[in-house]
N, C-alpha and C. Protein backbone atom coordinates (compact mmCIF):
# COMPACT_ATOMS: atom_id res chain seq x y z
N MET A 1 8.70 -24.32 -10.65
CA MET A 1 9.38 -23.70 -10.15
C MET A 1 9.93 -23.58 -8.93
N GLN A 2 11.40 -23.43 -8.60
CA GLN A 2 11.95 -23.84 -7.95
C GLN A 2 12.18 -22.69 -6.69
N TYR A 3 11.61 -23.13 -5.35
CA TYR A 3 11.78 -22.18 -4.02
C TYR A 3 12.90 -23.54 -3.25
N SER A 4 12.94 -22.04 -2.62
CA SER A 4 13.99 -22.60 -1.10
C SER A 4 13.21 -23.31 0.00
N GLN A 5 13.71 -23.91 0.84
CA GLN A 5 12.64 -24.70 2.03
C GLN A 5 12.74 -23.50 2.37
N LYS A 6 13.02 -22.23 3.08
CA LYS A 6 12.70 -21.38 3.59
C LYS A 6 11.39 -20.93 3.15
N VAL A 7 11.49 -20.45 1.60
CA VAL A 7 10.55 -19.85 1.24
C VAL A 7 8.83 -21.04 1.42
N LEU A 8 9.17 -22.22 1.37
CA LEU A 8 8.15 -23.14 1.58
C LEU A 8 7.88 -23.26 3.04
N ASP A 9 8.64 -23.03 4.10
CA ASP A 9 8.48 -23.59 5.49
C ASP A 9 7.72 -21.95 5.78
N HIS A 10 7.77 -20.63 5.59
CA HIS A 10 7.29 -19.54 5.59
C HIS A 10 5.65 -19.02 4.91
N PHE A 11 5.63 -20.20 3.44
CA PHE A 11 4.19 -20.32 2.65
C PHE A 11 3.57 -21.50 3.90
N MET A 12 3.84 -22.54 4.17
CA MET A 12 3.22 -23.50 4.67
C MET A 12 2.72 -23.05 6.07
N LYS A 13 3.94 -22.66 6.90
CA LYS A 13 3.50 -21.99 8.13
C LYS A 13 3.78 -20.86 8.07
N PRO A 14 3.33 -19.87 8.18
CA PRO A 14 3.67 -18.46 8.17
C PRO A 14 3.96 -17.67 9.74
N HIS A 15 4.64 -17.08 9.40
CA HIS A 15 4.90 -16.24 11.13
C HIS A 15 3.64 -15.14 10.76
N ASN A 16 3.61 -14.48 12.04
CA ASN A 16 2.89 -13.00 12.57
C ASN A 16 1.83 -13.18 11.58
N ILE A 17 1.09 -14.33 11.35
CA ILE A 17 -0.02 -14.06 10.25
C ILE A 17 -1.76 -13.93 11.22
N GLY A 18 -2.10 -12.64 10.34
CA GLY A 18 -3.25 -12.56 11.29
C GLY A 18 -3.70 -11.24 10.85
N LYS A 19 -4.40 -10.63 12.09
CA LYS A 19 -4.85 -9.29 12.07
C LYS A 19 -4.92 -8.49 13.12
N LEU A 20 -4.70 -7.48 13.71
CA LEU A 20 -4.18 -6.59 15.05
C LEU A 20 -5.21 -6.22 15.10
N GLU A 21 -6.00 -6.03 16.62
CA GLU A 21 -7.33 -5.12 16.91
C GLU A 21 -6.36 -4.48 17.17
N ASN A 22 -7.27 -2.76 16.94
CA ASN A 22 -6.37 -1.53 17.53
C ASN A 22 -4.82 -1.22 17.52
N ALA A 23 -4.88 -1.58 15.79
CA ALA A 23 -3.47 -1.27 15.49
C ALA A 23 -3.44 -0.10 15.36
N ASP A 24 -1.75 0.02 15.80
CA ASP A 24 -1.48 1.92 15.53
C ASP A 24 -1.60 2.17 14.03
N ALA A 25 -1.03 1.53 13.31
CA ALA A 25 -0.88 1.81 11.83
C ALA A 25 -1.10 0.45 11.03
N ILE A 26 -1.91 0.96 9.37
CA ILE A 26 -2.24 -0.34 8.85
C ILE A 26 -1.64 0.50 7.48
N ALA A 27 -1.30 -0.64 6.32
CA ALA A 27 -1.38 -0.58 5.30
C ALA A 27 -1.85 -1.65 4.25
N THR A 28 -2.31 -1.35 3.08
CA THR A 28 -2.27 -2.33 1.99
C THR A 28 -1.99 -1.95 0.82
N GLU A 29 -0.94 -3.15 0.15
CA GLU A 29 -1.01 -2.82 -1.23
C GLU A 29 -1.20 -3.56 -1.93
N GLY A 30 -0.85 -3.54 -3.42
CA GLY A 30 -1.33 -4.61 -4.08
C GLY A 30 -2.65 -4.67 -4.41
N SER A 31 -3.15 -5.38 -5.10
CA SER A 31 -4.74 -5.89 -5.58
C SER A 31 -4.78 -7.31 -6.07
N PRO A 32 -5.71 -7.52 -5.55
CA PRO A 32 -6.33 -9.16 -5.91
C PRO A 32 -6.28 -9.39 -7.27
N ALA A 33 -7.01 -8.42 -8.23
CA ALA A 33 -7.23 -8.55 -9.32
C ALA A 33 -6.25 -8.66 -10.32
N CYS A 34 -4.74 -7.91 -9.61
CA CYS A 34 -3.48 -8.75 -10.13
C CYS A 34 -2.86 -9.22 -9.53
N GLY A 35 -3.16 -10.16 -8.98
CA GLY A 35 -2.61 -11.50 -8.39
C GLY A 35 -1.78 -11.13 -6.69
N ASP A 36 -1.79 -10.14 -6.44
CA ASP A 36 -0.87 -10.22 -5.04
C ASP A 36 -1.78 -9.32 -4.35
N GLN A 37 -1.56 -9.17 -2.91
CA GLN A 37 -2.08 -8.16 -1.84
C GLN A 37 -1.77 -8.55 -0.57
N VAL A 38 -1.18 -7.54 -0.11
CA VAL A 38 -0.51 -7.33 1.66
C VAL A 38 -1.01 -6.48 2.20
N SER A 39 -1.79 -6.85 3.71
CA SER A 39 -2.19 -5.87 4.23
C SER A 39 -0.94 -6.11 5.83
N ILE A 40 -0.69 -5.06 6.31
CA ILE A 40 0.27 -4.98 7.58
C ILE A 40 -0.25 -4.35 8.58
N TYR A 41 -0.33 -4.63 9.68
CA TYR A 41 -0.71 -4.41 10.90
C TYR A 41 0.82 -3.78 12.18
N LEU A 42 0.27 -2.70 12.48
CA LEU A 42 1.60 -2.28 13.43
C LEU A 42 1.24 -2.13 14.50
N LYS A 43 1.87 -2.36 15.77
CA LYS A 43 1.82 -1.65 17.20
C LYS A 43 3.17 -1.61 17.32
N VAL A 44 3.07 -0.11 18.25
CA VAL A 44 3.99 0.59 17.95
C VAL A 44 4.34 1.31 19.55
N ASN A 45 5.81 1.09 20.44
CA ASN A 45 5.86 1.69 21.53
C ASN A 45 6.07 3.45 21.19
N PRO A 46 5.12 4.15 21.68
CA PRO A 46 5.32 5.99 20.92
C PRO A 46 6.56 6.29 22.07
N GLU A 47 6.94 5.73 23.07
CA GLU A 47 8.51 5.84 23.75
C GLU A 47 9.27 5.96 23.21
N THR A 48 9.51 4.14 22.90
CA THR A 48 10.75 4.21 22.18
C THR A 48 10.75 3.84 20.79
N MET A 49 9.63 3.96 19.92
CA MET A 49 9.33 3.46 18.85
C MET A 49 9.70 2.13 18.07
N VAL A 50 9.79 1.65 18.64
CA VAL A 50 10.21 -0.08 18.49
C VAL A 50 8.88 -0.45 18.41
N ILE A 51 9.15 -1.67 17.02
CA ILE A 51 7.59 -2.05 16.77
C ILE A 51 7.54 -2.86 17.26
N GLU A 52 6.86 -3.24 18.55
CA GLU A 52 6.47 -4.42 19.56
C GLU A 52 5.73 -5.57 18.67
N ASP A 53 4.32 -5.21 18.23
CA ASP A 53 4.00 -6.56 17.09
C ASP A 53 3.75 -6.05 15.78
N ILE A 54 3.62 -6.92 15.27
CA ILE A 54 3.10 -6.76 13.97
C ILE A 54 2.35 -8.30 13.35
N LYS A 55 1.51 -7.49 12.40
CA LYS A 55 0.94 -9.12 12.08
C LYS A 55 0.25 -8.79 10.47
N PHE A 56 0.06 -9.93 9.22
CA PHE A 56 0.11 -9.06 8.26
C PHE A 56 -1.14 -10.29 7.78
N GLN A 57 -1.56 -9.76 6.56
CA GLN A 57 -2.98 -10.75 5.83
C GLN A 57 -2.36 -10.61 4.62
N SER A 58 -2.21 -11.92 3.29
CA SER A 58 -2.07 -11.97 2.59
C SER A 58 -2.80 -12.34 1.32
N TYR A 59 -2.83 -12.04 0.18
CA TYR A 59 -3.81 -12.57 -0.74
C TYR A 59 -2.52 -13.11 -1.92
N GLY A 60 -2.12 -14.23 -2.45
CA GLY A 60 -1.57 -14.57 -3.51
C GLY A 60 -0.69 -15.86 -3.43
N CYS A 61 0.20 -15.76 -4.45
CA CYS A 61 0.91 -16.88 -4.24
C CYS A 61 2.35 -17.02 -3.15
N ALA A 62 2.86 -18.53 -3.43
CA ALA A 62 3.74 -18.56 -2.08
C ALA A 62 4.61 -17.75 -1.87
N SER A 63 5.21 -17.11 -2.98
CA SER A 63 6.29 -16.24 -2.69
C SER A 63 5.91 -14.93 -1.93
N ASN A 64 4.09 -14.48 -2.21
CA ASN A 64 3.86 -13.48 -2.16
C ASN A 64 3.72 -13.81 0.13
N ILE A 65 3.08 -14.90 0.12
CA ILE A 65 2.68 -14.92 1.97
C ILE A 65 4.46 -15.24 2.00
N ALA A 66 5.10 -15.97 1.72
CA ALA A 66 6.43 -16.09 2.28
C ALA A 66 7.23 -14.40 2.71
N THR A 67 7.28 -13.69 1.34
CA THR A 67 7.88 -12.44 1.87
C THR A 67 7.09 -12.13 2.77
N ALA A 68 5.78 -11.81 3.17
CA ALA A 68 5.32 -10.82 4.04
C ALA A 68 5.44 -11.41 5.34
N SER A 69 5.44 -12.98 5.32
CA SER A 69 5.90 -13.53 6.71
C SER A 69 7.42 -13.11 7.23
N ILE A 70 8.32 -13.41 6.24
CA ILE A 70 9.91 -12.70 6.45
C ILE A 70 9.61 -11.49 6.93
N ILE A 71 9.27 -10.53 6.22
CA ILE A 71 9.33 -9.36 6.22
C ILE A 71 8.86 -8.86 7.85
N THR A 72 7.78 -9.57 8.49
CA THR A 72 7.38 -9.22 9.77
C THR A 72 8.00 -9.39 11.16
N ASP A 73 8.96 -11.15 10.50
CA ASP A 73 10.03 -11.12 11.47
C ASP A 73 11.21 -10.28 11.33
N LEU A 74 11.64 -9.87 10.33
CA LEU A 74 12.59 -8.88 10.32
C LEU A 74 12.20 -7.26 10.86
N ALA A 75 11.09 -7.21 11.29
CA ALA A 75 10.94 -5.94 11.68
C ALA A 75 10.38 -5.58 13.20
N LYS A 76 10.18 -7.13 13.18
CA LYS A 76 9.67 -7.22 14.81
C LYS A 76 10.90 -7.23 15.92
N GLY A 77 10.59 -5.89 16.71
CA GLY A 77 11.62 -5.76 17.75
C GLY A 77 12.32 -4.67 17.28
N LYS A 78 12.64 -4.17 16.36
CA LYS A 78 13.10 -2.68 15.43
C LYS A 78 12.29 -1.54 15.76
N THR A 79 13.39 -0.53 15.68
CA THR A 79 12.56 0.71 15.75
C THR A 79 11.94 1.22 14.22
N LEU A 80 11.51 2.22 14.37
CA LEU A 80 10.72 2.53 12.97
C LEU A 80 11.89 2.90 12.01
N LYS A 81 12.83 3.62 12.08
CA LYS A 81 13.75 3.88 11.55
C LYS A 81 14.27 2.38 10.99
N GLU A 82 15.02 1.91 11.74
CA GLU A 82 15.81 0.52 11.38
C GLU A 82 14.83 -0.28 10.82
N ALA A 83 13.48 -0.39 10.96
CA ALA A 83 12.45 -1.67 9.82
C ALA A 83 12.30 -0.46 8.53
N LYS A 84 12.40 0.62 8.45
CA LYS A 84 12.10 1.45 7.34
C LYS A 84 13.26 1.32 6.20
N GLU A 85 14.37 0.50 6.83
CA GLU A 85 15.87 0.76 5.80
C GLU A 85 15.91 -0.93 5.64
N ILE A 86 15.10 -1.55 5.73
CA ILE A 86 15.09 -3.23 5.53
C ILE A 86 14.44 -2.97 3.87
N THR A 87 15.36 -3.55 2.89
CA THR A 87 15.28 -3.66 1.84
C THR A 87 14.66 -5.03 1.36
N TRP A 88 13.90 -4.66 0.09
CA TRP A 88 13.90 -5.71 -1.11
C TRP A 88 14.48 -7.23 -0.93
N LYS A 89 15.52 -6.72 -1.63
CA LYS A 89 17.15 -8.01 -1.42
C LYS A 89 16.92 -8.17 -0.49
N GLU A 90 17.20 -7.48 0.97
CA GLU A 90 17.33 -8.24 2.32
C GLU A 90 16.48 -9.16 2.74
N ALA A 91 14.95 -9.03 2.22
CA ALA A 91 13.83 -9.83 2.44
C ALA A 91 14.09 -11.19 1.94
N ALA A 92 14.59 -10.65 0.58
CA ALA A 92 14.64 -12.01 -0.34
C ALA A 92 15.48 -13.05 0.05
N GLU A 93 16.93 -12.56 0.39
CA GLU A 93 18.01 -13.22 0.81
C GLU A 93 17.86 -14.04 2.17
N ALA A 94 16.84 -13.15 3.13
CA ALA A 94 16.61 -14.00 4.24
C ALA A 94 15.89 -15.08 3.92
N LEU A 95 15.08 -15.39 2.93
CA LEU A 95 14.88 -16.73 1.88
C LEU A 95 15.40 -17.39 1.60
N ASP A 96 16.67 -17.61 1.40
CA ASP A 96 17.64 -17.99 0.70
C ASP A 96 17.34 -18.07 -0.91
N GLY A 97 16.62 -16.69 -0.89
CA GLY A 97 16.00 -16.50 -2.89
C GLY A 97 14.98 -16.47 -3.06
N LEU A 98 14.39 -16.04 -4.34
CA LEU A 98 13.87 -16.14 -4.91
C LEU A 98 13.46 -16.22 -6.33
N PRO A 99 13.19 -16.77 -6.83
CA PRO A 99 12.68 -16.85 -8.48
C PRO A 99 13.04 -15.32 -8.88
N PRO A 100 13.67 -15.43 -10.21
CA PRO A 100 13.66 -13.76 -10.71
C PRO A 100 12.03 -13.30 -10.94
N VAL A 101 10.98 -14.23 -11.20
CA VAL A 101 9.99 -13.75 -11.91
C VAL A 101 9.03 -13.58 -10.78
N LYS A 102 9.38 -14.14 -9.77
CA LYS A 102 8.33 -13.76 -8.07
C LYS A 102 9.57 -12.70 -7.25
N MET A 103 10.50 -12.19 -7.91
CA MET A 103 10.94 -11.14 -6.66
C MET A 103 10.22 -9.73 -6.54
N HIS A 104 9.23 -9.76 -7.38
CA HIS A 104 8.45 -8.01 -6.83
C HIS A 104 7.50 -8.69 -5.57
N CYS A 105 7.37 -9.90 -5.27
CA CYS A 105 6.84 -10.41 -4.26
C CYS A 105 7.69 -9.62 -3.25
N SER A 106 8.67 -9.95 -2.88
CA SER A 106 9.65 -9.58 -2.08
C SER A 106 9.36 -7.50 -2.02
N VAL A 107 9.04 -6.74 -2.73
CA VAL A 107 9.15 -5.63 -3.32
C VAL A 107 7.93 -4.80 -2.94
N LEU A 108 6.90 -6.12 -2.66
CA LEU A 108 5.47 -5.35 -2.34
C LEU A 108 5.59 -5.83 -0.85
N ALA A 109 6.27 -6.81 -0.57
CA ALA A 109 6.03 -6.89 1.45
C ALA A 109 7.10 -5.77 1.68
N VAL A 110 7.85 -5.37 1.55
CA VAL A 110 8.46 -4.24 1.91
C VAL A 110 8.08 -3.00 1.92
N ASP A 111 7.26 -2.80 0.11
CA ASP A 111 6.41 -1.51 0.83
C ASP A 111 5.58 -1.41 0.93
N THR A 112 4.76 -2.38 1.58
CA THR A 112 3.59 -2.40 2.51
C THR A 112 4.01 -2.28 3.81
N LEU A 113 5.46 -2.51 4.23
CA LEU A 113 6.09 -2.16 5.62
C LEU A 113 6.23 -0.72 5.52
N ARG A 114 6.82 -0.45 4.99
CA ARG A 114 7.25 1.34 4.58
C ARG A 114 6.07 2.13 4.86
N LYS A 115 4.72 1.49 3.93
CA LYS A 115 3.76 2.35 3.86
C LYS A 115 2.63 2.46 5.27
N ALA A 116 3.04 1.40 6.18
CA ALA A 116 2.18 1.26 7.30
C ALA A 116 2.84 2.02 8.35
N ILE A 117 4.41 2.24 8.26
CA ILE A 117 5.25 3.02 8.94
C ILE A 117 4.95 4.70 8.48
N THR A 118 5.05 4.92 7.37
CA THR A 118 4.75 5.97 6.96
C THR A 118 3.55 6.62 7.48
N SER A 119 2.58 5.57 7.69
CA SER A 119 0.90 6.27 8.07
C SER A 119 0.94 6.35 9.41
N TYR A 120 1.87 5.98 10.20
CA TYR A 120 1.88 5.61 11.75
C TYR A 120 3.16 7.44 11.85
N GLU A 121 3.85 7.68 11.12
CA GLU A 121 4.73 8.66 11.42
C GLU A 121 3.39 10.01 11.45
N LEU A 122 2.90 10.00 10.24
CA LEU A 122 2.47 11.16 9.60
C LEU A 122 1.16 11.75 11.18
N LYS A 123 0.50 10.10 11.21
CA LYS A 123 -0.71 10.70 12.23
C LYS A 123 -0.14 10.98 13.35
N ASN A 124 1.27 10.79 13.88
CA ASN A 124 1.53 10.99 14.75
C ASN A 124 2.60 12.29 14.84
N ASN A 125 2.59 12.83 13.76
CA ASN A 125 3.39 14.50 13.44
C ASN A 125 4.66 14.14 13.63
N LEU A 126 5.02 13.15 13.44
CA LEU A 126 6.68 12.44 13.08
C LEU A 126 7.44 13.09 11.81
N ILE A 127 6.43 13.16 10.81
CA ILE A 127 7.21 13.69 9.77
C ILE A 127 6.21 14.33 8.51
N GLU A 128 6.91 15.10 7.93
CA GLU A 128 5.43 16.04 6.98
C GLU A 128 5.41 15.04 6.06
N ALA A 129 4.39 15.47 5.78
CA ALA A 129 3.95 15.23 3.94
C ALA A 129 5.00 15.53 2.85
N GLU A 130 5.49 14.51 1.97
CA GLU A 130 6.13 14.66 0.85
C GLU A 130 5.01 15.16 0.03
N SER A 131 5.79 16.15 -0.63
CA SER A 131 5.45 16.74 -2.36
C SER A 131 5.62 15.81 -2.91
N PHE A 132 4.04 16.08 -3.87
CA PHE A 132 4.49 14.94 -5.12
C PHE A 132 5.29 15.63 -6.46
N ASN A 133 6.27 14.87 -7.31
CA ASN A 133 6.77 15.41 -8.38
C ASN A 133 7.48 14.23 -9.28
N LYS A 134 8.47 14.40 -9.76
CA LYS A 134 8.83 13.71 -10.91
C LYS A 134 10.19 12.73 -10.07
N ASP A 135 10.65 13.13 -9.17
CA ASP A 135 11.11 12.45 -8.51
C ASP A 135 10.30 11.18 -7.61
N SER A 136 9.32 11.45 -7.20
CA SER A 136 8.23 10.71 -6.73
C SER A 136 7.99 9.19 -7.66
N ILE A 137 7.99 9.67 -9.45
CA ILE A 137 7.68 8.72 -10.11
C ILE A 137 9.02 7.98 -10.27
N VAL A 138 10.38 8.38 -10.52
CA VAL A 138 11.21 8.03 -10.53
C VAL A 138 10.93 6.74 -9.32
N ALA A 139 11.19 7.04 -8.19
CA ALA A 139 11.05 6.39 -6.88
C ALA A 139 10.56 4.87 -6.94
N GLU A 140 9.06 5.60 -7.42
CA GLU A 140 7.96 4.12 -7.86
C GLU A 140 8.34 3.48 -8.52
N LEU A 141 8.70 3.99 -9.83
CA LEU A 141 9.73 2.93 -10.90
C LEU A 141 10.66 1.71 -10.26
N GLY A 142 11.58 2.56 -9.16
CA GLY A 142 12.14 1.41 -8.91
C GLY A 142 12.05 0.46 -7.99
N LYS A 143 10.38 0.41 -8.46
CA LYS A 143 9.74 -0.94 -7.71
C LYS A 143 9.39 -2.08 -8.54
N ILE A 144 9.61 -1.35 -9.71
CA ILE A 144 9.26 -2.55 -10.60
C ILE A 144 10.50 -3.37 -11.00
N ILE A 145 10.10 -4.51 -11.00
CA ILE A 145 10.96 -5.37 -11.22
C ILE A 145 11.01 -5.95 -12.83
N TYR A 146 11.96 -6.74 -13.39
CA TYR A 146 12.01 -6.77 -14.90
C TYR A 146 12.51 -8.28 -14.63
N PRO A 147 11.53 -9.19 -14.60
CA PRO A 147 11.13 -10.72 -14.31
C PRO A 147 12.53 -11.23 -14.67
N LYS A 148 12.80 -11.35 -15.75
CA LYS A 148 13.83 -12.57 -16.33
C LYS A 148 14.81 -12.31 -15.39
N VAL A 149 15.49 -10.95 -15.23
CA VAL A 149 16.95 -11.11 -13.73
C VAL A 149 16.27 -10.92 -12.17
N GLY A 150 15.11 -10.45 -12.24
CA GLY A 150 14.94 -10.26 -10.87
C GLY A 150 15.91 -8.64 -10.05
N GLU A 151 15.64 -8.08 -11.34
CA GLU A 151 16.46 -6.54 -10.41
C GLU A 151 14.95 -5.55 -11.43
N ASP A 152 15.41 -3.89 -10.36
CA ASP A 152 14.46 -3.04 -10.63
C ASP A 152 14.75 -2.43 -12.22
N ILE A 153 13.80 -1.90 -12.87
CA ILE A 153 14.41 -1.61 -14.24
C ILE A 153 15.21 0.05 -13.51
N ILE A 154 15.08 0.58 -12.73
CA ILE A 154 15.84 1.68 -12.63
C ILE A 154 17.50 1.13 -12.78
N THR A 155 17.69 0.32 -12.02
CA THR A 155 19.07 0.00 -11.86
C THR A 155 19.49 -0.77 -12.72
N LEU A 156 18.53 -1.37 -13.85
CA LEU A 156 18.85 -1.88 -14.89
C LEU A 156 19.14 -0.79 -16.06
N LYS A 157 18.48 0.59 -15.77
CA LYS A 157 18.59 1.63 -16.68
C LYS A 157 18.53 1.42 -18.12
N MET A 158 16.93 0.66 -17.78
CA MET A 158 15.64 0.55 -18.29
C MET A 158 14.86 1.63 -18.95
N VAL A 159 14.89 2.79 -17.65
CA VAL A 159 14.13 3.85 -17.91
C VAL A 159 14.67 4.76 -18.25
N LYS A 160 14.29 5.20 -19.84
CA LYS A 160 15.17 6.42 -20.52
C LYS A 160 14.93 7.69 -20.16
N TYR A 161 13.46 8.10 -19.92
CA TYR A 161 12.96 9.19 -19.55
C TYR A 161 11.85 9.31 -18.44
N VAL A 162 11.48 10.09 -17.71
CA VAL A 162 10.62 10.39 -16.74
C VAL A 162 10.46 11.96 -16.85
N GLY A 163 8.89 11.98 -17.13
CA GLY A 163 8.41 13.68 -16.80
C GLY A 163 7.34 13.66 -16.39
N PHE A 164 6.93 14.75 -15.40
CA PHE A 164 5.21 14.67 -15.33
C PHE A 164 4.60 16.31 -15.42
N GLN A 165 4.10 16.52 -15.74
CA GLN A 165 3.31 18.07 -16.17
C GLN A 165 1.89 18.09 -16.25
N ASP A 166 1.05 18.95 -15.63
CA ASP A 166 -0.16 19.03 -15.87
C ASP A 166 -0.89 17.66 -15.72
N GLY A 167 -0.61 16.70 -14.65
CA GLY A 167 -1.03 15.38 -14.43
C GLY A 167 -1.06 14.43 -15.15
N ILE A 168 0.29 14.75 -16.25
CA ILE A 168 0.47 13.50 -17.09
C ILE A 168 1.70 12.86 -16.88
N ALA A 169 2.25 11.51 -16.89
CA ALA A 169 3.23 11.16 -16.33
C ALA A 169 3.80 10.29 -17.75
N LEU A 170 4.77 10.56 -18.07
CA LEU A 170 5.79 10.75 -19.17
C LEU A 170 6.85 9.49 -18.80
N ILE A 171 6.64 8.03 -19.16
CA ILE A 171 7.84 7.41 -19.03
C ILE A 171 8.50 6.67 -20.65
N ASP A 172 9.45 6.53 -20.73
CA ASP A 172 10.25 6.40 -22.08
C ASP A 172 11.04 5.32 -21.31
N ILE A 173 10.45 3.58 -22.08
CA ILE A 173 11.16 2.65 -21.69
C ILE A 173 11.99 2.01 -22.65
N ASP A 174 13.10 1.52 -22.04
CA ASP A 174 14.07 0.68 -23.36
C ASP A 174 13.76 -0.99 -23.03
N ILE A 175 12.72 -1.29 -24.08
CA ILE A 175 12.24 -2.54 -23.72
C ILE A 175 12.28 -3.12 -25.38
N PRO A 176 13.09 -3.94 -25.85
CA PRO A 176 12.48 -4.39 -27.56
C PRO A 176 11.31 -5.16 -27.86
N LYS A 177 11.08 -4.88 -28.55
CA LYS A 177 9.57 -5.36 -29.01
C LYS A 177 9.10 -7.01 -28.90
N PHE A 178 10.32 -7.34 -29.14
CA PHE A 178 10.49 -9.38 -29.09
C PHE A 178 10.43 -9.90 -27.72
N ASP A 179 10.84 -8.88 -26.53
CA ASP A 179 11.18 -8.93 -25.12
C ASP A 179 9.75 -9.26 -24.68
N LYS A 180 9.46 -11.02 -24.26
CA LYS A 180 8.21 -11.30 -23.81
C LYS A 180 7.83 -10.97 -22.51
N TYR A 181 8.61 -9.67 -22.08
CA TYR A 181 7.93 -8.82 -20.60
C TYR A 181 7.70 -7.81 -20.62
N ARG A 182 7.83 -7.52 -22.27
CA ARG A 182 7.28 -5.59 -22.56
C ARG A 182 5.97 -5.46 -21.58
N ASP A 183 5.05 -6.18 -22.31
CA ASP A 183 3.80 -5.65 -21.61
C ASP A 183 3.68 -6.34 -20.18
N ASN A 184 4.14 -6.77 -19.46
CA ASN A 184 4.50 -7.39 -18.31
C ASN A 184 4.95 -5.74 -17.46
N VAL A 185 5.93 -5.87 -17.92
CA VAL A 185 6.65 -4.17 -17.14
C VAL A 185 5.86 -3.15 -17.58
N ALA A 186 5.22 -2.82 -18.95
CA ALA A 186 4.48 -2.02 -19.18
C ALA A 186 2.61 -1.73 -17.84
N GLU A 187 2.28 -3.01 -17.76
CA GLU A 187 0.89 -3.06 -16.84
C GLU A 187 1.53 -2.67 -15.28
N GLU A 188 2.86 -3.41 -14.97
CA GLU A 188 3.22 -3.35 -13.69
C GLU A 188 3.34 -1.23 -13.26
N ILE A 189 3.82 -1.25 -14.34
CA ILE A 189 3.96 0.58 -14.42
C ILE A 189 2.88 1.34 -14.03
N ARG A 190 1.84 1.38 -14.75
CA ARG A 190 0.53 1.47 -14.70
C ARG A 190 -0.09 1.60 -13.78
N GLU A 191 -0.35 -0.18 -12.80
CA GLU A 191 -0.39 -0.65 -11.64
C GLU A 191 0.04 0.44 -10.51
N HIS A 192 1.34 0.59 -10.61
CA HIS A 192 2.20 1.14 -9.41
C HIS A 192 1.81 2.80 -9.65
N LEU A 193 1.64 3.43 -10.87
CA LEU A 193 1.66 4.75 -10.79
C LEU A 193 -0.02 5.28 -10.33
N GLY A 194 -0.64 4.16 -11.04
CA GLY A 194 -2.38 4.56 -10.76
C GLY A 194 -2.77 4.85 -9.64
N HIS A 195 -1.97 4.53 -8.58
CA HIS A 195 -2.32 4.95 -7.04
C HIS A 195 -2.54 6.16 -6.86
N PHE A 196 -1.52 7.02 -7.90
CA PHE A 196 -1.16 8.38 -7.34
C PHE A 196 -2.43 9.49 -7.67
N PRO A 197 -3.10 9.86 -6.45
CA PRO A 197 -3.99 10.94 -7.49
C PRO A 197 -3.87 12.30 -8.23
N GLU A 198 -2.38 12.61 -7.81
CA GLU A 198 -1.58 13.35 -8.56
C GLU A 198 -1.70 13.29 -10.25
N ILE A 199 -1.88 11.79 -10.63
CA ILE A 199 -1.39 11.60 -12.24
C ILE A 199 -2.89 10.99 -12.53
N LYS A 200 -3.23 11.71 -13.21
CA LYS A 200 -4.30 11.66 -14.28
C LYS A 200 -4.32 11.11 -15.52
N GLU A 201 -2.75 10.98 -15.67
CA GLU A 201 -2.70 10.16 -17.24
C GLU A 201 -1.43 9.31 -17.03
N ILE A 202 -1.35 8.30 -17.85
CA ILE A 202 0.23 7.74 -18.14
C ILE A 202 0.33 7.61 -19.07
N LYS A 203 1.50 8.07 -19.65
CA LYS A 203 1.70 7.84 -21.52
C LYS A 203 3.47 6.96 -21.23
N ILE A 204 3.02 5.73 -21.51
CA ILE A 204 4.45 4.93 -21.83
C ILE A 204 5.09 4.38 -23.25
N THR A 205 6.08 4.86 -23.55
CA THR A 205 6.99 5.00 -25.10
C THR A 205 8.02 4.10 -24.64
N MET A 206 7.96 2.99 -25.37
CA MET A 206 9.17 1.26 -25.70
C MET A 206 9.09 1.41 -27.02
């Protein structure tokens, strides 16, 4: 697998690695059982809302460590609003690209950063908790990368239907039976949606 020099640099000597004592916000996403996990710690100036310090801990491959490292670089010194607008594509570009099958690591890093920011905002009554609905599921599906091309399944229009009723999430995905990434996408959907307590059952049609 071909990695850029920047990916290798951040993997070999990651920036902002470690744990922040007395962090203002912490978020952990992913799972070691599934291969990748990232924890992000924030120290925020309550007057300016600037991220004054940020650290990460990571479990996973070279891409996972590199994307967590670059996302902390990109977020440090920014306001919460600015940091929340960093996209997974920007993170990948800052590393001079990632192999398509590893693009999900960039999504994980950005998602963890946003979860940490949201945690801080909720704890300090800066925002109200959003209600869970079908749009919440669609937003989560937008974080699932089709490994063959390194793009999310919403943008690729692979999601044909999303429904949510009585705790049951119904997902219709357009992927041919011969596609070798078919099971991988289904597994990713179950992993992502399985974190929501509102979802009691996930039904995927392909």
